[in-house]
């Protein structure tokens, strides 16, 4: 019999939901606070992928990394969840708006200069305009590096594997049909 804190193997969907919720809650608790500014065309070439236009999302939700998150180019391609939390002018932030931006450039070397040089993130005008009044020069943001859904699901399944307890200490795993299987 499979048990995890009193949840039986027949409760696999609930177990998965619990694990996923725990993962999401853990992610929410480690957000960073910083500033964001905006930049406009031209966006090419970029420090990440040169003149390749395929690097841009069709939604135009992308940005360049400030030095705090550039990480010697490792920031290229990272996805960040960003929310405006304050600004010098009242009513600048658009309440409850969270965007997901992909890093495509380094703000220090971007062709188009940011509205403020020392920002943690420099957002495309489209991305900036979704979370704040686009006339603002900069805003204070809460941001967190997003983990792809497939990685979150893998981590959830790893969590399930680690904490499942079997009386004969065999490792348990779930097949695609979500049934508990013993591996020797």
N, C-alpha and C. Protein backbone atom coordinates (compact mmCIF):
# COMPACT_ATOMS: atom_id res chain seq x y z
N UNK A 1 0.84 -1.19 0.00
CA UNK A 1 0.00 0.00 0.00
C UNK A 1 0.87 1.24 0.00
N UNK A 2 0.45 2.25 -0.71
CA UNK A 2 1.20 3.50 -0.81
C UNK A 2 0.57 4.53 0.12
N UNK A 3 1.39 5.19 0.89
CA UNK A 3 0.89 6.22 1.78
C UNK A 3 1.82 7.42 1.79
N UNK A 4 1.27 8.59 1.84
CA UNK A 4 2.00 9.84 2.04
C UNK A 4 1.14 10.68 2.97
N UNK A 5 1.57 10.78 4.18
CA UNK A 5 0.84 11.56 5.18
C UNK A 5 -0.63 11.17 5.22
N UNK A 6 -0.89 9.88 5.13
CA UNK A 6 -2.26 9.39 5.24
C UNK A 6 -3.06 9.42 3.95
N UNK A 7 -2.44 9.78 2.82
CA UNK A 7 -3.15 9.81 1.55
C UNK A 7 -2.88 8.50 0.84
N UNK A 8 -3.91 7.80 0.45
CA UNK A 8 -3.73 6.49 -0.17
C UNK A 8 -3.44 6.63 -1.66
N UNK A 9 -3.01 5.51 -2.28
CA UNK A 9 -2.65 5.55 -3.69
C UNK A 9 -3.84 5.91 -4.58
N UNK A 10 -5.03 5.70 -4.13
CA UNK A 10 -6.20 6.08 -4.90
C UNK A 10 -6.39 7.58 -4.98
N UNK A 11 -5.64 8.32 -4.18
CA UNK A 11 -5.76 9.77 -4.13
C UNK A 11 -4.65 10.46 -4.92
N UNK A 12 -4.14 9.81 -5.93
CA UNK A 12 -3.01 10.35 -6.71
C UNK A 12 -3.28 11.76 -7.23
N UNK A 13 -4.44 12.06 -7.82
CA UNK A 13 -4.66 13.43 -8.30
C UNK A 13 -4.59 14.46 -7.17
N UNK A 14 -5.14 14.12 -5.98
CA UNK A 14 -5.07 15.05 -4.87
C UNK A 14 -3.63 15.21 -4.39
N UNK A 15 -2.88 14.12 -4.39
CA UNK A 15 -1.48 14.15 -3.98
C UNK A 15 -0.68 15.04 -4.93
N UNK A 16 -0.91 14.87 -6.22
CA UNK A 16 -0.22 15.67 -7.21
C UNK A 16 -0.56 17.15 -7.03
N UNK A 17 -1.84 17.46 -6.81
CA UNK A 17 -2.26 18.84 -6.59
C UNK A 17 -1.61 19.42 -5.36
N UNK A 18 -1.53 18.65 -4.29
CA UNK A 18 -0.89 19.10 -3.07
C UNK A 18 0.58 19.43 -3.32
N UNK A 19 1.27 18.54 -4.01
CA UNK A 19 2.70 18.75 -4.31
C UNK A 19 2.90 19.99 -5.18
N UNK A 20 2.06 20.14 -6.18
CA UNK A 20 2.18 21.29 -7.07
C UNK A 20 1.91 22.59 -6.32
N UNK A 21 0.91 22.59 -5.45
CA UNK A 21 0.62 23.78 -4.64
C UNK A 21 1.79 24.13 -3.73
N UNK A 22 2.38 23.12 -3.11
CA UNK A 22 3.54 23.37 -2.25
C UNK A 22 4.69 23.96 -3.04
N UNK A 23 4.90 23.47 -4.24
CA UNK A 23 5.97 24.01 -5.09
C UNK A 23 5.69 25.47 -5.44
N UNK A 24 4.45 25.77 -5.81
CA UNK A 24 4.11 27.14 -6.17
C UNK A 24 4.22 28.07 -4.98
N UNK A 25 3.79 27.62 -3.80
CA UNK A 25 3.91 28.46 -2.61
C UNK A 25 5.37 28.72 -2.27
N UNK A 26 6.21 27.73 -2.43
CA UNK A 26 7.63 27.92 -2.17
C UNK A 26 8.21 28.94 -3.13
N UNK A 27 7.78 28.93 -4.39
CA UNK A 27 8.27 29.90 -5.37
C UNK A 27 7.84 31.31 -5.02
N UNK A 28 6.62 31.50 -4.54
CA UNK A 28 6.11 32.82 -4.24
C UNK A 28 6.86 33.48 -3.09
N UNK A 29 7.42 32.69 -2.21
CA UNK A 29 8.05 33.25 -1.04
C UNK A 29 9.47 33.75 -1.29
N UNK A 30 10.02 33.59 -2.47
CA UNK A 30 11.40 33.99 -2.70
C UNK A 30 11.52 34.99 -3.84
N UNK A 31 10.60 35.91 -3.95
CA UNK A 31 10.66 36.94 -4.98
C UNK A 31 11.65 38.03 -4.58
N UNK A 32 12.24 38.67 -5.57
CA UNK A 32 13.15 39.79 -5.35
C UNK A 32 12.41 41.09 -5.60
N UNK A 33 12.92 42.15 -5.01
CA UNK A 33 12.40 43.50 -5.22
C UNK A 33 13.48 44.28 -5.95
N UNK A 34 13.09 45.03 -6.96
CA UNK A 34 14.04 45.83 -7.72
C UNK A 34 13.31 46.88 -8.52
N UNK A 35 14.01 47.48 -9.46
CA UNK A 35 13.37 48.47 -10.32
C UNK A 35 13.32 47.95 -11.75
N UNK A 36 12.36 48.47 -12.48
CA UNK A 36 12.24 48.16 -13.90
C UNK A 36 12.08 49.47 -14.65
N UNK A 37 12.69 49.53 -15.80
CA UNK A 37 12.49 50.64 -16.71
C UNK A 37 12.05 50.04 -18.04
N UNK A 38 11.98 50.86 -19.07
CA UNK A 38 11.53 50.35 -20.36
C UNK A 38 12.45 50.82 -21.47
N UNK A 39 12.38 50.11 -22.59
CA UNK A 39 13.12 50.51 -23.78
C UNK A 39 12.29 50.24 -25.02
N UNK A 40 12.63 50.93 -26.09
CA UNK A 40 11.84 50.85 -27.32
C UNK A 40 12.71 50.31 -28.46
N UNK A 41 12.09 50.20 -29.66
CA UNK A 41 12.83 49.82 -30.86
C UNK A 41 14.01 50.77 -31.04
N UNK A 42 15.07 50.33 -31.64
CA UNK A 42 15.33 48.99 -32.15
C UNK A 42 15.79 48.05 -31.05
N UNK A 43 15.39 46.80 -31.13
CA UNK A 43 15.79 45.79 -30.16
C UNK A 43 16.95 44.94 -30.66
N UNK A 44 17.17 44.94 -31.96
CA UNK A 44 18.23 44.11 -32.55
C UNK A 44 19.46 44.94 -32.90
N UNK A 45 20.63 44.37 -32.82
CA UNK A 45 20.96 43.03 -32.33
C UNK A 45 20.96 42.98 -30.80
N UNK A 46 20.87 41.77 -30.25
CA UNK A 46 20.88 41.59 -28.80
C UNK A 46 22.16 40.88 -28.38
N UNK A 47 22.46 40.97 -27.09
CA UNK A 47 23.63 40.29 -26.55
C UNK A 47 23.41 38.78 -26.48
N UNK A 48 22.17 38.35 -26.48
CA UNK A 48 21.88 36.91 -26.36
C UNK A 48 21.93 36.17 -27.69
N UNK A 49 21.23 36.68 -28.70
CA UNK A 49 21.12 35.94 -29.96
C UNK A 49 21.32 36.81 -31.19
N UNK A 50 22.07 37.88 -31.05
CA UNK A 50 22.39 38.72 -32.20
C UNK A 50 21.17 39.27 -32.90
N UNK A 51 21.12 39.08 -34.21
CA UNK A 51 20.03 39.62 -35.03
C UNK A 51 18.92 38.62 -35.32
N UNK A 52 18.90 37.50 -34.61
CA UNK A 52 17.89 36.47 -34.82
C UNK A 52 16.55 36.91 -34.24
N UNK A 53 15.58 37.18 -35.10
CA UNK A 53 14.26 37.65 -34.65
C UNK A 53 13.45 36.57 -33.95
N UNK A 54 13.83 35.32 -34.08
CA UNK A 54 13.10 34.22 -33.46
C UNK A 54 13.18 34.26 -31.93
N UNK A 55 14.10 35.03 -31.38
CA UNK A 55 14.25 35.11 -29.93
C UNK A 55 13.12 35.88 -29.26
N UNK A 56 12.36 36.65 -30.03
CA UNK A 56 11.29 37.46 -29.46
C UNK A 56 9.98 36.70 -29.47
N UNK A 57 9.26 36.81 -28.36
CA UNK A 57 7.94 36.19 -28.28
C UNK A 57 6.97 37.02 -29.10
N UNK A 58 5.97 36.38 -29.66
CA UNK A 58 4.99 37.10 -30.47
C UNK A 58 4.20 38.10 -29.61
N UNK A 59 4.11 37.86 -28.33
CA UNK A 59 3.38 38.76 -27.43
C UNK A 59 4.19 40.02 -27.10
N UNK A 60 5.46 40.05 -27.51
CA UNK A 60 6.37 41.16 -27.23
C UNK A 60 6.61 41.36 -25.74
N UNK A 61 6.49 40.28 -24.96
CA UNK A 61 6.79 40.34 -23.54
C UNK A 61 8.21 39.82 -23.34
N UNK A 62 9.16 40.72 -23.45
CA UNK A 62 10.57 40.39 -23.29
C UNK A 62 11.27 41.56 -22.64
N UNK A 63 12.50 41.34 -22.30
CA UNK A 63 13.26 42.41 -21.67
C UNK A 63 14.74 42.14 -21.68
N UNK A 64 15.48 43.11 -21.15
CA UNK A 64 16.92 42.95 -21.02
C UNK A 64 17.27 42.92 -19.54
N UNK A 65 18.34 42.21 -19.24
CA UNK A 65 18.76 42.01 -17.86
C UNK A 65 19.69 43.12 -17.41
N UNK A 66 19.42 43.65 -16.22
CA UNK A 66 20.36 44.56 -15.59
C UNK A 66 21.54 43.76 -15.07
N UNK A 67 22.56 44.46 -14.62
CA UNK A 67 23.78 43.78 -14.17
C UNK A 67 23.52 42.85 -12.98
N UNK A 68 22.53 43.17 -12.16
CA UNK A 68 22.24 42.35 -10.98
C UNK A 68 21.81 40.93 -11.34
N UNK A 69 21.19 40.75 -12.51
CA UNK A 69 20.73 39.41 -12.90
C UNK A 69 21.38 38.91 -14.19
N UNK A 70 22.26 39.67 -14.80
CA UNK A 70 22.88 39.29 -16.06
C UNK A 70 23.64 37.97 -15.95
N UNK A 71 24.39 37.78 -14.89
CA UNK A 71 25.06 36.52 -14.59
C UNK A 71 25.95 36.03 -15.74
N UNK A 72 26.80 36.94 -16.24
CA UNK A 72 27.73 36.61 -17.33
C UNK A 72 27.05 35.95 -18.53
N UNK A 73 25.85 36.39 -18.84
CA UNK A 73 25.13 35.87 -20.00
C UNK A 73 24.21 34.70 -19.71
N UNK A 74 24.29 34.16 -18.51
CA UNK A 74 23.41 33.03 -18.16
C UNK A 74 21.94 33.43 -18.10
N UNK A 75 21.67 34.73 -18.01
CA UNK A 75 20.29 35.21 -17.95
C UNK A 75 19.57 35.06 -19.29
N UNK A 76 20.31 34.92 -20.37
CA UNK A 76 19.68 34.79 -21.70
C UNK A 76 18.68 33.64 -21.70
N UNK A 77 17.47 33.95 -22.12
CA UNK A 77 16.43 32.92 -22.21
C UNK A 77 15.65 32.68 -20.93
N UNK A 78 16.13 33.20 -19.82
CA UNK A 78 15.38 33.00 -18.56
C UNK A 78 14.04 33.70 -18.64
N UNK A 79 13.10 33.14 -17.93
CA UNK A 79 11.75 33.68 -17.86
C UNK A 79 11.53 34.22 -16.46
N UNK A 80 11.02 35.45 -16.37
CA UNK A 80 10.74 36.08 -15.08
C UNK A 80 9.28 36.48 -15.00
N UNK A 81 8.69 36.25 -13.82
CA UNK A 81 7.36 36.76 -13.53
C UNK A 81 7.56 38.11 -12.84
N UNK A 82 6.86 39.13 -13.32
CA UNK A 82 7.10 40.50 -12.87
C UNK A 82 5.78 41.16 -12.53
N UNK A 83 5.78 41.88 -11.40
CA UNK A 83 4.61 42.64 -10.97
C UNK A 83 5.05 44.00 -10.47
N UNK A 84 4.37 45.05 -10.88
CA UNK A 84 4.63 46.40 -10.38
C UNK A 84 4.06 46.51 -8.97
N UNK A 85 4.89 46.98 -8.02
CA UNK A 85 4.39 47.10 -6.64
C UNK A 85 4.35 48.55 -6.15
N UNK A 86 5.12 49.45 -6.79
CA UNK A 86 5.04 50.86 -6.42
C UNK A 86 5.77 51.71 -7.45
N UNK A 87 5.52 53.01 -7.36
CA UNK A 87 6.18 53.98 -8.24
C UNK A 87 6.15 55.33 -7.54
N UNK A 88 6.96 56.24 -8.03
CA UNK A 88 7.01 57.57 -7.40
C UNK A 88 5.70 58.34 -7.58
N UNK A 89 5.00 58.11 -8.67
CA UNK A 89 3.71 58.75 -8.89
C UNK A 89 2.59 57.79 -8.52
N UNK A 90 1.59 58.27 -7.79
CA UNK A 90 0.47 57.40 -7.42
C UNK A 90 -0.29 56.91 -8.66
N UNK A 91 -0.90 55.75 -8.53
CA UNK A 91 -1.71 55.14 -9.59
C UNK A 91 -0.91 54.78 -10.84
N UNK A 92 0.38 54.61 -10.70
CA UNK A 92 1.20 54.20 -11.85
C UNK A 92 1.08 52.71 -12.10
N UNK A 93 1.12 51.93 -11.04
CA UNK A 93 1.01 50.46 -11.18
C UNK A 93 -0.41 50.07 -11.55
N UNK A 94 -0.53 49.07 -12.39
CA UNK A 94 -1.83 48.52 -12.74
C UNK A 94 -2.04 47.32 -11.81
N UNK A 95 -3.02 47.42 -10.90
CA UNK A 95 -3.20 46.39 -9.86
C UNK A 95 -3.41 44.99 -10.43
N UNK A 96 -2.84 44.01 -9.73
CA UNK A 96 -3.04 42.59 -10.01
C UNK A 96 -2.57 42.13 -11.39
N UNK A 97 -1.71 42.87 -12.03
CA UNK A 97 -1.16 42.46 -13.32
C UNK A 97 0.21 41.83 -13.12
N UNK A 98 0.37 40.61 -13.59
CA UNK A 98 1.66 39.92 -13.55
C UNK A 98 1.97 39.51 -14.98
N UNK A 99 3.19 39.80 -15.40
CA UNK A 99 3.62 39.42 -16.74
C UNK A 99 4.76 38.42 -16.64
N UNK A 100 4.98 37.71 -17.73
CA UNK A 100 6.08 36.76 -17.81
C UNK A 100 6.94 37.19 -18.99
N UNK A 101 8.17 37.62 -18.68
CA UNK A 101 9.06 38.13 -19.71
C UNK A 101 10.28 37.23 -19.87
N UNK A 102 10.74 37.11 -21.11
CA UNK A 102 11.94 36.34 -21.42
C UNK A 102 13.09 37.32 -21.63
N UNK A 103 14.24 37.00 -21.04
CA UNK A 103 15.42 37.85 -21.19
C UNK A 103 16.06 37.59 -22.55
N UNK A 104 16.21 38.67 -23.33
CA UNK A 104 16.80 38.55 -24.67
C UNK A 104 18.05 39.41 -24.85
N UNK A 105 18.38 40.23 -23.83
CA UNK A 105 19.49 41.16 -24.01
C UNK A 105 20.07 41.57 -22.66
N UNK A 106 21.18 42.27 -22.73
CA UNK A 106 21.84 42.86 -21.56
C UNK A 106 21.61 44.36 -21.63
N UNK A 107 21.02 44.94 -20.60
CA UNK A 107 20.66 46.36 -20.66
C UNK A 107 21.88 47.27 -20.80
N UNK A 108 23.01 46.87 -20.27
CA UNK A 108 24.22 47.69 -20.35
C UNK A 108 24.69 47.88 -21.80
N UNK A 109 24.41 46.90 -22.65
CA UNK A 109 24.89 46.96 -24.03
C UNK A 109 23.77 46.99 -25.06
N UNK A 110 22.53 47.13 -24.63
CA UNK A 110 21.42 47.10 -25.59
C UNK A 110 21.50 48.28 -26.56
N UNK A 111 21.05 48.07 -27.79
CA UNK A 111 21.08 49.10 -28.82
C UNK A 111 20.21 50.28 -28.40
N UNK A 112 19.02 49.99 -27.95
CA UNK A 112 18.11 51.02 -27.46
C UNK A 112 18.38 51.23 -25.97
N UNK A 113 18.57 52.44 -25.58
CA UNK A 113 18.91 52.73 -24.19
C UNK A 113 17.67 52.72 -23.30
N UNK A 114 17.80 52.17 -22.09
CA UNK A 114 16.67 52.12 -21.15
C UNK A 114 16.32 53.50 -20.60
N UNK A 115 15.10 53.65 -20.12
CA UNK A 115 14.66 54.91 -19.54
C UNK A 115 15.36 55.20 -18.21
N UNK A 116 15.94 54.17 -17.62
CA UNK A 116 16.77 54.32 -16.41
C UNK A 116 17.86 53.27 -16.47
N UNK A 117 19.09 53.68 -16.28
CA UNK A 117 20.25 52.82 -16.49
C UNK A 117 20.44 51.72 -15.45
N UNK A 118 20.11 51.95 -14.19
CA UNK A 118 20.45 51.00 -13.12
C UNK A 118 19.33 50.03 -12.75
N UNK A 119 18.41 49.79 -13.64
CA UNK A 119 17.27 48.91 -13.36
C UNK A 119 17.69 47.44 -13.36
N UNK A 120 17.03 46.66 -12.54
CA UNK A 120 17.26 45.21 -12.53
C UNK A 120 16.76 44.58 -13.82
N UNK A 121 15.61 45.04 -14.29
CA UNK A 121 15.02 44.57 -15.55
C UNK A 121 14.63 45.77 -16.40
N UNK A 122 14.88 45.67 -17.68
CA UNK A 122 14.42 46.68 -18.63
C UNK A 122 13.43 45.97 -19.54
N UNK A 123 12.19 46.41 -19.50
CA UNK A 123 11.10 45.73 -20.20
C UNK A 123 10.80 46.38 -21.54
N UNK A 124 10.34 45.57 -22.48
CA UNK A 124 9.85 46.13 -23.74
C UNK A 124 8.69 47.06 -23.41
N UNK A 125 8.42 48.01 -24.29
CA UNK A 125 7.33 48.96 -24.01
C UNK A 125 6.00 48.25 -23.84
N UNK A 126 5.79 47.17 -24.59
CA UNK A 126 4.54 46.41 -24.46
C UNK A 126 4.44 45.78 -23.07
N UNK A 127 5.51 45.14 -22.63
CA UNK A 127 5.51 44.49 -21.31
C UNK A 127 5.33 45.52 -20.19
N UNK A 128 6.06 46.61 -20.27
CA UNK A 128 5.98 47.66 -19.25
C UNK A 128 4.55 48.21 -19.17
N UNK A 129 3.93 48.44 -20.34
CA UNK A 129 2.59 49.01 -20.39
C UNK A 129 1.50 48.12 -19.83
N UNK A 130 1.75 46.84 -19.70
CA UNK A 130 0.76 45.93 -19.13
C UNK A 130 0.72 46.05 -17.61
N UNK A 131 1.86 46.32 -16.98
CA UNK A 131 1.89 46.36 -15.52
C UNK A 131 1.94 47.76 -14.94
N UNK A 132 2.20 48.77 -15.79
CA UNK A 132 2.30 50.15 -15.29
C UNK A 132 1.94 51.15 -16.38
N UNK A 133 1.67 52.36 -15.95
CA UNK A 133 1.42 53.46 -16.87
C UNK A 133 2.69 53.67 -17.69
N UNK A 134 2.58 53.62 -19.00
CA UNK A 134 3.77 53.67 -19.85
C UNK A 134 4.48 55.01 -19.86
N UNK A 135 3.88 56.04 -19.26
CA UNK A 135 4.56 57.33 -19.19
C UNK A 135 5.59 57.38 -18.05
N UNK A 136 5.58 56.39 -17.18
CA UNK A 136 6.54 56.34 -16.06
C UNK A 136 7.94 56.01 -16.58
N UNK A 137 8.94 56.58 -15.94
CA UNK A 137 10.34 56.31 -16.31
C UNK A 137 10.80 54.99 -15.73
N UNK A 138 10.42 54.73 -14.49
CA UNK A 138 10.77 53.48 -13.82
C UNK A 138 9.75 53.17 -12.75
N UNK A 139 9.73 51.90 -12.34
CA UNK A 139 8.81 51.43 -11.30
C UNK A 139 9.56 50.48 -10.38
N UNK A 140 8.99 50.25 -9.21
CA UNK A 140 9.51 49.23 -8.31
C UNK A 140 8.72 47.96 -8.59
N UNK A 141 9.46 46.87 -8.75
CA UNK A 141 8.82 45.61 -9.11
C UNK A 141 9.16 44.50 -8.12
N UNK A 142 8.31 43.51 -8.13
CA UNK A 142 8.59 42.23 -7.48
C UNK A 142 8.77 41.27 -8.62
N UNK A 143 9.89 40.54 -8.63
CA UNK A 143 10.13 39.62 -9.74
C UNK A 143 10.74 38.33 -9.22
N UNK A 144 10.46 37.29 -9.96
CA UNK A 144 10.95 35.97 -9.60
C UNK A 144 11.24 35.19 -10.87
N UNK A 145 12.32 34.47 -10.85
CA UNK A 145 12.65 33.63 -12.00
C UNK A 145 11.64 32.49 -12.05
N UNK A 146 11.00 32.35 -13.19
CA UNK A 146 9.99 31.31 -13.37
C UNK A 146 10.64 30.00 -13.74
N UNK A 147 10.03 28.92 -13.31
CA UNK A 147 10.46 27.59 -13.69
C UNK A 147 9.47 27.09 -14.71
N UNK A 148 9.95 26.46 -15.76
CA UNK A 148 9.04 25.98 -16.78
C UNK A 148 8.08 24.95 -16.19
N UNK A 149 6.92 24.81 -16.78
CA UNK A 149 5.90 23.88 -16.30
C UNK A 149 6.44 22.45 -16.27
N UNK A 150 7.20 22.06 -17.28
CA UNK A 150 7.70 20.70 -17.31
C UNK A 150 8.65 20.45 -16.15
N UNK A 151 9.46 21.45 -15.79
CA UNK A 151 10.36 21.30 -14.66
C UNK A 151 9.56 21.24 -13.36
N UNK A 152 8.52 22.06 -13.24
CA UNK A 152 7.68 22.02 -12.04
C UNK A 152 7.03 20.65 -11.88
N UNK A 153 6.54 20.11 -12.98
CA UNK A 153 5.91 18.79 -12.92
C UNK A 153 6.93 17.73 -12.56
N UNK A 154 8.14 17.81 -13.11
CA UNK A 154 9.18 16.85 -12.78
C UNK A 154 9.53 16.93 -11.30
N UNK A 155 9.64 18.15 -10.79
CA UNK A 155 9.95 18.31 -9.37
C UNK A 155 8.83 17.77 -8.50
N UNK A 156 7.58 17.97 -8.94
CA UNK A 156 6.45 17.43 -8.18
C UNK A 156 6.51 15.92 -8.13
N UNK A 157 6.81 15.30 -9.26
CA UNK A 157 6.90 13.84 -9.29
C UNK A 157 8.07 13.35 -8.46
N UNK A 158 9.18 14.09 -8.47
CA UNK A 158 10.31 13.73 -7.63
C UNK A 158 9.92 13.81 -6.16
N UNK A 159 9.16 14.84 -5.81
CA UNK A 159 8.66 15.01 -4.45
C UNK A 159 7.82 13.80 -4.06
N UNK A 160 6.96 13.36 -4.97
CA UNK A 160 6.11 12.20 -4.71
C UNK A 160 6.98 10.96 -4.49
N UNK A 161 7.98 10.77 -5.36
CA UNK A 161 8.84 9.59 -5.24
C UNK A 161 9.61 9.58 -3.93
N UNK A 162 10.10 10.74 -3.52
CA UNK A 162 10.92 10.80 -2.32
C UNK A 162 10.11 10.48 -1.06
N UNK A 163 8.90 10.98 -1.00
CA UNK A 163 8.14 10.86 0.23
C UNK A 163 7.17 9.69 0.30
N UNK A 164 7.09 8.90 -0.73
CA UNK A 164 6.26 7.71 -0.64
C UNK A 164 6.93 6.69 0.26
N UNK A 165 6.14 6.06 1.07
CA UNK A 165 6.70 5.08 2.00
C UNK A 165 6.08 3.72 1.71
N UNK A 166 6.92 2.72 1.62
CA UNK A 166 6.46 1.36 1.36
C UNK A 166 7.00 0.49 2.49
N UNK A 167 6.21 -0.39 3.00
CA UNK A 167 6.61 -1.19 4.15
C UNK A 167 7.86 -2.03 3.91
N UNK A 168 8.09 -2.50 2.67
CA UNK A 168 9.29 -3.29 2.41
C UNK A 168 10.43 -2.43 1.84
N UNK A 169 10.32 -1.11 1.94
CA UNK A 169 11.35 -0.15 1.52
C UNK A 169 11.66 -0.20 0.03
N UNK A 170 10.78 -0.75 -0.76
CA UNK A 170 10.98 -0.73 -2.21
C UNK A 170 10.68 0.66 -2.73
N UNK A 171 11.34 1.03 -3.82
CA UNK A 171 11.04 2.33 -4.43
C UNK A 171 9.73 2.22 -5.20
N UNK A 172 8.93 3.25 -5.09
CA UNK A 172 7.64 3.26 -5.76
C UNK A 172 7.67 4.34 -6.83
N UNK A 173 6.96 4.12 -7.90
CA UNK A 173 6.80 5.15 -8.91
C UNK A 173 5.43 5.01 -9.54
N UNK A 174 5.02 6.04 -10.25
CA UNK A 174 3.71 6.02 -10.89
C UNK A 174 3.90 5.85 -12.38
N UNK A 175 3.08 5.00 -12.96
CA UNK A 175 3.09 4.86 -14.41
C UNK A 175 2.23 5.96 -14.98
N UNK A 176 2.14 6.04 -16.30
CA UNK A 176 1.33 7.06 -16.94
C UNK A 176 -0.14 6.92 -16.57
N UNK A 177 -0.54 5.76 -16.15
CA UNK A 177 -1.94 5.54 -15.75
C UNK A 177 -2.16 5.87 -14.28
N UNK A 178 -1.16 6.44 -13.62
CA UNK A 178 -1.23 6.86 -12.22
C UNK A 178 -1.56 5.73 -11.26
N UNK A 179 -0.97 4.59 -11.49
CA UNK A 179 -1.14 3.52 -10.52
C UNK A 179 0.21 3.31 -9.82
N UNK A 180 0.16 2.88 -8.64
CA UNK A 180 1.37 2.71 -7.85
C UNK A 180 2.03 1.40 -8.24
N UNK A 181 3.33 1.48 -8.58
CA UNK A 181 4.07 0.31 -9.03
C UNK A 181 5.30 0.17 -8.18
N UNK A 182 5.62 -1.05 -7.82
CA UNK A 182 6.81 -1.33 -7.01
C UNK A 182 7.94 -1.72 -7.92
N UNK A 183 9.10 -1.05 -7.74
CA UNK A 183 10.29 -1.47 -8.49
C UNK A 183 11.29 -2.05 -7.51
N UNK A 184 11.89 -3.13 -7.86
CA UNK A 184 12.85 -3.81 -6.97
C UNK A 184 14.25 -3.43 -7.29
